[in-house]
C-alpha atoms as a PDB file:
ATOM      1  CA  MET A   1     115.488  31.742  93.245  1.00  0.00           C
ATOM      2  CA  ARG A   2     115.739  28.973  95.809  1.00  0.00           C
ATOM      3  CA  GLY A   3     113.415  27.730  98.555  1.00  0.00           C
ATOM      4  CA  ARG A   4     114.509  26.743 102.057  1.00  0.00           C
ATOM      5  CA  ARG A   5     115.937  23.427 100.921  1.00  0.00           C
ATOM      6  CA  GLY A   6     117.877  25.006  98.056  1.00  0.00           C
ATOM      7  CA  ARG A   7     115.741  23.645  95.224  1.00  0.00           C
ATOM      8  CA  GLY A   8     115.916  25.987  92.275  1.00  0.00           C
ATOM      9  CA  VAL A   9     113.420  26.389  89.449  1.00  0.00           C
ATOM     10  CA  GLU A  10     115.258  23.839  87.292  1.00  0.00           C
ATOM     11  CA  GLY A  11     115.304  21.366  90.163  1.00  0.00           C
ATOM     12  CA  ALA A  12     111.570  21.813  90.670  1.00  0.00           C
ATOM     13  CA  LYS A  13     110.910  21.193  86.977  1.00  0.00           C
ATOM     14  CA  ALA A  14     113.005  18.023  87.025  1.00  0.00           C
ATOM     15  CA  GLU A  15     111.279  16.781  90.176  1.00  0.00           C
ATOM     16  CA  ALA A  16     107.858  17.483  88.662  1.00  0.00           C
ATOM     17  CA  ARG A  17     108.795  15.355  85.663  1.00  0.00           C
ATOM     18  CA  ARG A  18     109.870  12.486  87.917  1.00  0.00           C
ATOM     19  CA  GLY A  19     106.761  12.607  90.103  1.00  0.00           C
ATOM     20  CA  ALA A  20     106.692  11.593  93.746  1.00  0.00           C
ATOM     21  CA  ASP A  21     109.741  11.351  95.986  1.00  0.00           C
ATOM     22  CA  GLU A  22     110.731   8.253  97.964  1.00  0.00           C
ATOM     23  CA  GLY A  23     108.152   9.171 100.612  1.00  0.00           C
ATOM     24  CA  GLY A  24     105.364   9.420  98.042  1.00  0.00           C
ATOM     25  CA  ARG A  25     105.122  13.206  98.259  1.00  0.00           C
ATOM     26  CA  LEU A  26     104.487  15.061  95.040  1.00  0.00           C
ATOM     27  CA  PRO A  27     106.340  18.233  94.050  1.00  0.00           C
ATOM     28  CA  GLY A  28     103.431  20.497  94.969  1.00  0.00           C
ATOM     29  CA  GLN A  29     103.334  19.033  98.461  1.00  0.00           C
ATOM     30  CA  LEU A  30     107.076  19.354  98.936  1.00  0.00           C
ATOM     31  CA  ALA A  31     107.207  22.913  97.652  1.00  0.00           C
ATOM     32  CA  LEU A  32     104.506  24.115 100.044  1.00  0.00           C
ATOM     33  CA  MET A  33     105.793  22.080 102.985  1.00  0.00           C
ATOM     34  CA  GLU A  34     109.272  23.559 102.524  1.00  0.00           C
ATOM     35  CA  ASN A  35     108.061  27.120 101.864  1.00  0.00           C
ATOM     36  CA  ALA A  36     109.599  27.159  98.411  1.00  0.00           C
ATOM     37  CA  ALA A  37     109.934  30.433  96.563  1.00  0.00           C
ATOM     38  CA  PRO A  38     106.896  31.521  94.509  1.00  0.00           C
ATOM     39  CA  GLU A  39     108.871  31.008  91.283  1.00  0.00           C
ATOM     40  CA  VAL A  40     109.384  27.339  92.175  1.00  0.00           C
ATOM     41  CA  ILE A  41     105.704  26.834  92.942  1.00  0.00           C
ATOM     42  CA  GLU A  42     104.709  28.564  89.699  1.00  0.00           C
ATOM     43  CA  LYS A  43     106.886  26.110  87.761  1.00  0.00           C
ATOM     44  CA  ILE A  44     105.237  23.187  89.504  1.00  0.00           C
ATOM     45  CA  ILE A  45     101.835  24.504  88.468  1.00  0.00           C
ATOM     46  CA  ASP A  46     102.987  24.101  84.863  1.00  0.00           C
ATOM     47  CA  ALA A  47     103.759  20.422  85.578  1.00  0.00           C
ATOM     48  CA  PRO A  48     101.345  17.482  85.132  1.00  0.00           C
ATOM     49  CA  PRO A  49      98.152  17.704  87.236  1.00  0.00           C
ATOM     50  CA  PRO A  50      99.040  15.491  90.226  1.00  0.00           C
ATOM     51  CA  ALA A  51     101.750  17.948  91.285  1.00  0.00           C
ATOM     52  CA  TRP A  52      99.422  20.900  91.769  1.00  0.00           C
ATOM     53  CA  VAL A  53      96.384  18.931  92.912  1.00  0.00           C
ATOM     54  CA  ALA A  54      98.501  17.813  95.856  1.00  0.00           C
ATOM     55  CA  GLY A  55      99.809  21.363  96.225  1.00  0.00           C
ATOM     56  CA  LEU A  56      96.301  22.746  96.622  1.00  0.00           C
ATOM     57  CA  ARG A  57      95.490  20.068  99.195  1.00  0.00           C
ATOM     58  CA  VAL A  58      98.592  20.954 101.198  1.00  0.00           C
ATOM     59  CA  ALA A  59      97.813  24.677 100.993  1.00  0.00           C
ATOM     60  CA  LEU A  60      94.264  24.012 102.208  1.00  0.00           C
ATOM     61  CA  TYR A  61      95.503  21.736 105.004  1.00  0.00           C
ATOM     62  CA  ARG A  62      98.034  24.357 106.127  1.00  0.00           C
ATOM     63  CA  LYS A  63      95.412  27.097 105.759  1.00  0.00           C
ATOM     64  CA  ASP A  64      97.832  28.945 103.518  1.00  0.00           C
ATOM     65  CA  TRP A  65      95.186  31.095 101.841  1.00  0.00           C
ATOM     66  CA  GLU A  66      97.782  33.382 100.297  1.00  0.00           C
ATOM     67  CA  ALA A  67      99.276  30.418  98.418  1.00  0.00           C
ATOM     68  CA  VAL A  68      95.847  29.440  97.135  1.00  0.00           C
ATOM     69  CA  ALA A  69      94.943  32.942  95.962  1.00  0.00           C
ATOM     70  CA  ARG A  70      98.284  34.444  94.945  1.00  0.00           C
ATOM     71  CA  LEU A  71      99.990  31.482  93.339  1.00  0.00           C
ATOM     72  CA  ALA A  72      97.024  30.366  91.246  1.00  0.00           C
ATOM     73  CA  LEU A  73      96.925  26.924  92.838  1.00  0.00           C
ATOM     74  CA  ALA A  74      93.210  26.981  92.231  1.00  0.00           C
ATOM     75  CA  THR A  75      93.122  25.275  88.840  1.00  0.00           C
ATOM     76  CA  THR A  76      90.054  23.508  87.472  1.00  0.00           C
ATOM     77  CA  ALA A  77      91.649  20.092  87.896  1.00  0.00           C
ATOM     78  CA  ALA A  78      92.807  20.809  91.442  1.00  0.00           C
ATOM     79  CA  CYS A  79      89.489  22.376  92.498  1.00  0.00           C
ATOM     80  CA  SER A  80      87.440  19.495  91.094  1.00  0.00           C
ATOM     81  CA  ALA A  81      89.495  16.809  92.871  1.00  0.00           C
ATOM     82  CA  GLN A  82      87.634  15.261  95.789  1.00  0.00           C
ATOM     83  CA  ASP A  83      89.388  14.149  98.934  1.00  0.00           C
ATOM     84  CA  ASP A  84      88.946  10.661 100.370  1.00  0.00           C
ATOM     85  CA  ARG A  85      85.642  11.720 101.976  1.00  0.00           C
ATOM     86  CA  GLY A  86      84.174  13.196  98.802  1.00  0.00           C
ATOM     87  CA  ASN A  87      84.710  16.840  99.736  1.00  0.00           C
ATOM     88  CA  LEU A  88      85.910  19.423  97.247  1.00  0.00           C
ATOM     89  CA  PRO A  89      88.458  22.149  98.023  1.00  0.00           C
ATOM     90  CA  LEU A  90      85.623  24.698  98.157  1.00  0.00           C
ATOM     91  CA  HIS A  91      84.026  22.799 101.054  1.00  0.00           C
ATOM     92  CA  ARG A  92      87.268  22.768 103.025  1.00  0.00           C
ATOM     93  CA  ALA A  93      88.027  26.419 102.293  1.00  0.00           C
ATOM     94  CA  LEU A  94      84.582  27.448 103.542  1.00  0.00           C
ATOM     95  CA  ARG A  95      84.763  25.260 106.670  1.00  0.00           C
ATOM     96  CA  GLU A  96      88.237  26.580 107.489  1.00  0.00           C
ATOM     97  CA  ASN A  97      87.274  30.263 107.065  1.00  0.00           C
ATOM     98  CA  ALA A  98      89.631  30.858 104.160  1.00  0.00           C
ATOM     99  CA  THR A  99      90.153  34.415 102.998  1.00  0.00           C
ATOM    100  CA  PRO A 100      87.513  35.682 100.569  1.00  0.00           C
ATOM    101  CA  GLN A 101      90.200  35.880  97.856  1.00  0.00           C
ATOM    102  CA  ALA A 102      91.069  32.189  98.251  1.00  0.00           C
ATOM    103  CA  VAL A 103      87.410  31.087  98.253  1.00  0.00           C
ATOM    104  CA  LEU A 104      86.628  33.228  95.216  1.00  0.00           C
ATOM    105  CA  LYS A 105      89.675  31.842  93.384  1.00  0.00           C
ATOM    106  CA  ILE A 106      88.506  28.272  94.024  1.00  0.00           C
ATOM    107  CA  ALA A 107      84.923  29.079  93.021  1.00  0.00           C
ATOM    108  CA  ASP A 108      86.128  30.795  89.836  1.00  0.00           C
ATOM    109  CA  ALA A 109      88.315  27.827  88.913  1.00  0.00           C
ATOM    110  CA  TYR A 110      85.522  25.282  89.411  1.00  0.00           C
ATOM    111  CA  PRO A 111      82.066  26.938  89.627  1.00  0.00           C
ATOM    112  CA  GLU A 112      80.371  23.528  89.592  1.00  0.00           C
ATOM    113  CA  ALA A 113      81.604  23.089  93.173  1.00  0.00           C
ATOM    114  CA  CYS A 114      78.977  25.637  94.238  1.00  0.00           C
ATOM    115  CA  ALA A 115      76.318  23.008  93.426  1.00  0.00           C
ATOM    116  CA  ALA A 116      78.107  20.049  95.056  1.00  0.00           C
ATOM    117  CA  ALA A 117      77.218  18.787  98.512  1.00  0.00           C
ATOM    118  CA  ASP A 118      79.927  17.907 101.026  1.00  0.00           C
ATOM    119  CA  GLU A 119      80.208  14.629 102.949  1.00  0.00           C
ATOM    120  CA  ALA A 120      77.341  15.684 105.235  1.00  0.00           C
ATOM    121  CA  GLY A 121      75.092  16.744 102.353  1.00  0.00           C
ATOM    122  CA  ARG A 122      75.618  20.491 102.847  1.00  0.00           C
ATOM    123  CA  LEU A 123      75.903  22.815  99.893  1.00  0.00           C
ATOM    124  CA  PRO A 124      78.622  25.488  99.796  1.00  0.00           C
ATOM    125  CA  LEU A 125      76.043  28.200 100.454  1.00  0.00           C
ATOM    126  CA  GLN A 126      75.001  26.417 103.632  1.00  0.00           C
ATOM    127  CA  LEU A 127      78.643  26.182 104.714  1.00  0.00           C
ATOM    128  CA  ALA A 128      79.195  29.853 103.873  1.00  0.00           C
ATOM    129  CA  LEU A 129      76.254  30.885 106.025  1.00  0.00           C
ATOM    130  CA  MET A 130      77.262  28.572 108.872  1.00  0.00           C
ATOM    131  CA  GLU A 131      80.800  29.982 108.870  1.00  0.00           C
ATOM    132  CA  ASN A 132      79.720  33.646 108.526  1.00  0.00           C
ATOM    133  CA  ALA A 133      81.372  34.082 105.149  1.00  0.00           C
ATOM    134  CA  PRO A 134      81.509  37.652 103.824  1.00  0.00           C
ATOM    135  CA  PRO A 135      78.818  38.866 101.409  1.00  0.00           C
ATOM    136  CA  GLU A 136      81.048  38.626  98.313  1.00  0.00           C
ATOM    137  CA  VAL A 137      81.558  34.894  98.927  1.00  0.00           C
ATOM    138  CA  ILE A 138      77.832  34.303  99.435  1.00  0.00           C
ATOM    139  CA  GLU A 139      77.066  36.326  96.318  1.00  0.00           C
ATOM    140  CA  LYS A 140      79.561  34.325  94.251  1.00  0.00           C
ATOM    141  CA  ILE A 141      78.040  31.018  95.332  1.00  0.00           C
ATOM    142  CA  ILE A 142      74.528  32.261  94.605  1.00  0.00           C
ATOM    143  CA  ASP A 143      75.599  33.501  91.166  1.00  0.00           C
ATOM    144  CA  ALA A 144      77.169  30.133  90.370  1.00  0.00           C
ATOM    145  CA  HIS A 145      74.265  28.054  91.723  1.00  0.00           C
ATOM    146  CA  PRO A 146      70.999  30.003  92.233  1.00  0.00           C
ATOM    147  CA  PRO A 147      68.967  26.986  93.484  1.00  0.00           C
ATOM    148  CA  ALA A 148      71.195  26.914  96.572  1.00  0.00           C
ATOM    149  CA  CYS A 149      69.333  30.013  97.789  1.00  0.00           C
ATOM    150  CA  VAL A 150      66.440  27.936  99.056  1.00  0.00           C
ATOM    151  CA  ALA A 151      68.685  25.550 101.014  1.00  0.00           C
ATOM    152  CA  GLY A 152      70.793  28.374 102.397  1.00  0.00           C
ATOM    153  CA  LEU A 153      67.824  30.354 103.637  1.00  0.00           C
ATOM    154  CA  ARG A 154      66.313  27.237 105.220  1.00  0.00           C
ATOM    155  CA  VAL A 155      69.535  26.582 107.134  1.00  0.00           C
ATOM    156  CA  ALA A 156      69.721  30.165 108.389  1.00  0.00           C
ATOM    157  CA  ILE A 157      66.083  30.166 109.508  1.00  0.00           C
ATOM    158  CA  TYR A 158      66.348  26.721 111.119  1.00  0.00           C
ATOM    159  CA  ARG A 159      69.381  27.863 113.098  1.00  0.00           C
ATOM    160  CA  LYS A 160      67.570  31.102 113.972  1.00  0.00           C
ATOM    161  CA  ASP A 161      70.623  32.888 112.703  1.00  0.00           C
ATOM    162  CA  TRP A 162      68.986  36.199 111.902  1.00  0.00           C
ATOM    163  CA  GLU A 163      72.308  37.809 111.014  1.00  0.00           C
ATOM    164  CA  ALA A 164      72.817  35.093 108.377  1.00  0.00           C
ATOM    165  CA  VAL A 165      69.287  35.652 107.094  1.00  0.00           C
ATOM    166  CA  GLU A 166      70.068  39.355 106.777  1.00  0.00           C
ATOM    167  CA  ARG A 167      73.409  38.685 105.028  1.00  0.00           C
ATOM    168  CA  PHE A 168      71.660  36.167 102.787  1.00  0.00           C
ATOM    169  CA  ALA A 169      68.975  38.715 101.912  1.00  0.00           C
ATOM    170  CA  LEU A 170      71.594  41.371 101.130  1.00  0.00           C
ATOM    171  CA  ALA A 171      73.565  38.960  98.957  1.00  0.00           C
ATOM    172  CA  THR A 172      70.515  37.765  97.023  1.00  0.00           C
ATOM    173  CA  THR A 173      69.400  41.353  96.488  1.00  0.00           C
ATOM    174  CA  ALA A 174      72.848  42.276  95.161  1.00  0.00           C
ATOM    175  CA  ALA A 175      73.010  39.138  92.991  1.00  0.00           C
ATOM    176  CA  GLY A 176      69.516  39.617  91.586  1.00  0.00           C
END
Protein backbone atom coordinates (compact mmCIF):
# COMPACT_ATOMS: atom_id res chain seq x y z
CA MET A 1 0.00 0.00 0.00
CA ARG A 2 1.27 3.47 -0.81
CA GLY A 3 0.91 6.85 0.91
CA ARG A 4 0.24 10.14 -0.88
CA ARG A 5 3.80 10.46 -2.12
CA GLY A 6 3.89 6.89 -3.42
CA ARG A 7 6.24 5.47 -0.80
CA GLY A 8 5.56 1.79 -0.34
CA VAL A 9 6.33 -0.38 2.67
CA GLU A 10 9.72 -1.38 1.24
CA GLY A 11 10.57 2.26 0.58
CA ALA A 12 9.66 3.17 4.15
CA LYS A 13 11.87 0.39 5.52
CA ALA A 14 14.80 1.55 3.39
CA GLU A 15 14.30 5.17 4.44
CA ALA A 16 14.13 4.15 8.10
CA ARG A 17 17.47 2.40 7.73
CA ARG A 18 19.03 5.50 6.18
CA GLY A 19 17.68 7.89 8.80
CA ALA A 20 16.87 11.53 8.13
CA ASP A 21 16.27 13.02 4.69
CA GLU A 22 18.16 16.00 3.27
CA GLY A 23 15.92 18.33 5.30
CA GLY A 24 16.69 16.50 8.54
CA ARG A 25 13.23 14.95 8.81
CA LEU A 26 13.04 11.42 10.10
CA PRO A 27 10.85 8.73 8.54
CA GLY A 28 8.20 8.99 11.26
CA GLN A 29 7.86 12.71 10.64
CA LEU A 30 7.64 12.28 6.88
CA ALA A 31 5.11 9.48 7.07
CA LEU A 32 2.73 11.47 9.27
CA MET A 33 3.26 14.73 7.39
CA GLU A 34 2.43 13.00 4.10
CA ASN A 35 -0.50 10.97 5.49
CA ALA A 36 1.19 7.69 4.66
CA ALA A 37 -0.81 4.50 4.76
CA PRO A 38 -1.05 2.77 8.17
CA GLU A 39 1.06 -0.14 6.86
CA VAL A 40 3.92 2.27 6.11
CA ILE A 41 3.73 3.84 9.55
CA GLU A 42 3.63 0.41 11.20
CA LYS A 43 6.86 -0.51 9.40
CA ILE A 44 8.51 2.67 10.62
CA ILE A 45 7.57 1.78 14.18
CA ASP A 46 9.69 -1.35 13.76
CA ALA A 47 12.66 0.86 12.79
CA PRO A 48 15.28 2.30 15.18
CA PRO A 49 13.86 4.60 17.90
CA PRO A 50 14.49 8.06 16.40
CA ALA A 51 12.03 7.32 13.58
CA TRP A 52 9.03 6.77 15.83
CA VAL A 53 10.00 9.24 18.54
CA ALA A 54 9.78 11.92 15.86
CA GLY A 55 6.58 10.33 14.58
CA LEU A 56 4.91 10.66 17.96
CA ARG A 57 6.01 14.29 18.20
CA VAL A 58 4.53 15.03 14.78
CA ALA A 59 1.29 13.25 15.66
CA LEU A 60 1.04 15.26 18.88
CA TYR A 61 1.84 18.52 17.07
CA ARG A 62 -0.80 17.79 14.42
CA LYS A 63 -3.25 16.66 17.12
CA ASP A 64 -3.65 13.41 15.23
CA TRP A 65 -4.97 11.44 18.19
CA GLU A 66 -6.07 8.55 16.00
CA ALA A 67 -2.47 8.05 14.84
CA VAL A 68 -1.27 8.03 18.44
CA ALA A 69 -3.88 5.54 19.62
CA ARG A 70 -4.48 3.34 16.58
CA LEU A 71 -0.99 3.04 15.17
CA ALA A 72 0.74 2.30 18.46
CA LEU A 73 3.03 5.31 18.18
CA ALA A 74 2.98 5.44 21.94
CA THR A 75 6.05 3.34 22.66
CA THR A 76 8.02 3.55 25.91
CA ALA A 77 10.95 5.23 24.19
CA ALA A 78 8.76 7.74 22.37
CA CYS A 79 6.63 8.52 25.45
CA SER A 80 9.67 9.04 27.68
CA ALA A 81 11.37 11.46 25.26
CA GLN A 82 11.24 15.05 26.48
CA ASP A 83 10.89 17.97 24.12
CA ASP A 84 13.26 20.93 24.20
CA ARG A 85 11.33 22.42 27.14
CA GLY A 86 11.39 19.26 29.23
CA ASN A 87 7.79 18.25 28.60
CA LEU A 88 6.76 14.67 27.96
CA PRO A 89 4.19 13.59 25.36
CA LEU A 90 1.66 13.02 28.17
CA HIS A 91 1.87 16.71 29.12
CA ARG A 92 1.22 17.83 25.56
CA ALA A 93 -1.60 15.34 25.03
CA LEU A 94 -3.35 16.56 28.18
CA ARG A 95 -2.86 20.26 27.34
CA GLU A 96 -4.14 19.71 23.80
CA ASN A 97 -7.27 17.79 24.90
CA ALA A 98 -6.26 14.57 23.17
CA THR A 99 -8.82 11.79 22.96
CA PRO A 100 -9.01 9.59 26.05
CA GLN A 101 -7.72 6.66 23.96
CA ALA A 102 -4.58 8.58 22.96
CA VAL A 103 -3.88 9.77 26.52
CA LEU A 104 -4.42 6.28 27.93
CA LYS A 105 -2.11 4.80 25.28
CA ILE A 106 0.65 7.24 26.23
CA ALA A 107 0.13 6.65 29.95
CA ASP A 108 0.19 2.88 29.43
CA ALA A 109 3.40 3.08 27.41
CA TYR A 110 5.20 5.22 30.00
CA PRO A 111 3.38 5.26 33.38
CA GLU A 112 6.28 7.14 34.98
CA ALA A 113 5.09 10.21 33.06
CA CYS A 114 2.15 10.41 35.47
CA ALA A 115 4.64 11.44 38.19
CA ALA A 116 6.63 13.91 36.05
CA ALA A 117 6.07 17.65 36.22
CA ASP A 118 5.88 19.74 33.05
CA GLU A 119 7.90 22.89 32.33
CA ALA A 120 5.69 24.89 34.71
CA GLY A 121 5.92 22.31 37.51
CA ARG A 122 2.43 20.88 36.97
CA LEU A 123 1.78 17.18 37.31
CA PRO A 124 -0.33 15.34 34.72
CA LEU A 125 -3.22 15.11 37.17
CA GLN A 126 -3.21 18.88 37.53
CA LEU A 127 -3.23 19.26 33.74
CA ALA A 128 -6.03 16.70 33.44
CA LEU A 129 -8.17 18.61 35.92
CA MET A 130 -7.37 21.97 34.33
CA GLU A 131 -8.35 20.66 30.88
CA ASN A 132 -11.50 18.84 32.08
CA ALA A 133 -10.19 15.41 31.14
CA PRO A 134 -12.71 12.57 31.33
CA PRO A 135 -12.87 10.40 34.47
CA GLU A 136 -11.04 7.44 32.89
CA VAL A 137 -8.00 9.63 32.20
CA ILE A 138 -8.00 11.03 35.74
CA GLU A 139 -8.39 7.53 37.14
CA LYS A 140 -5.47 6.23 35.07
CA ILE A 141 -3.18 8.99 36.28
CA ILE A 142 -4.20 8.43 39.89
CA ASP A 143 -3.61 4.68 39.54
CA ALA A 144 -0.15 5.29 38.09
CA HIS A 145 0.83 7.97 40.63
CA PRO A 146 -1.38 8.09 43.77
CA PRO A 147 0.55 10.96 45.46
CA ALA A 148 -0.65 13.25 42.66
CA CYS A 149 -4.09 13.18 44.31
CA VAL A 150 -3.07 15.78 46.86
CA ALA A 151 -1.71 18.18 44.22
CA GLY A 152 -4.68 17.66 41.94
CA LEU A 153 -7.23 18.34 44.64
CA ARG A 154 -5.33 21.45 45.75
CA VAL A 155 -5.40 22.82 42.20
CA ALA A 156 -9.13 22.19 41.84
CA ILE A 157 -9.93 23.82 45.19
CA TYR A 158 -7.62 26.78 44.54
CA ARG A 159 -9.31 27.40 41.20
CA LYS A 160 -12.71 26.96 42.87
CA ASP A 161 -13.47 24.46 40.16
CA TRP A 162 -16.14 22.51 41.99
CA GLU A 163 -16.89 20.38 38.94
CA ALA A 164 -13.23 19.29 38.91
CA VAL A 165 -13.40 18.57 42.63
CA GLU A 166 -16.46 16.41 42.00
CA ARG A 167 -14.80 14.60 39.06
CA PHE A 168 -11.67 14.17 41.16
CA ALA A 169 -13.71 12.71 44.02
CA LEU A 170 -15.49 10.30 41.66
CA ALA A 171 -12.21 9.20 40.11
CA THR A 172 -10.49 8.66 43.45
CA THR A 173 -13.49 6.71 44.72
CA ALA A 174 -13.42 4.50 41.62
CA ALA A 175 -9.63 4.07 41.83
CA GLY A 176 -9.67 3.27 45.54
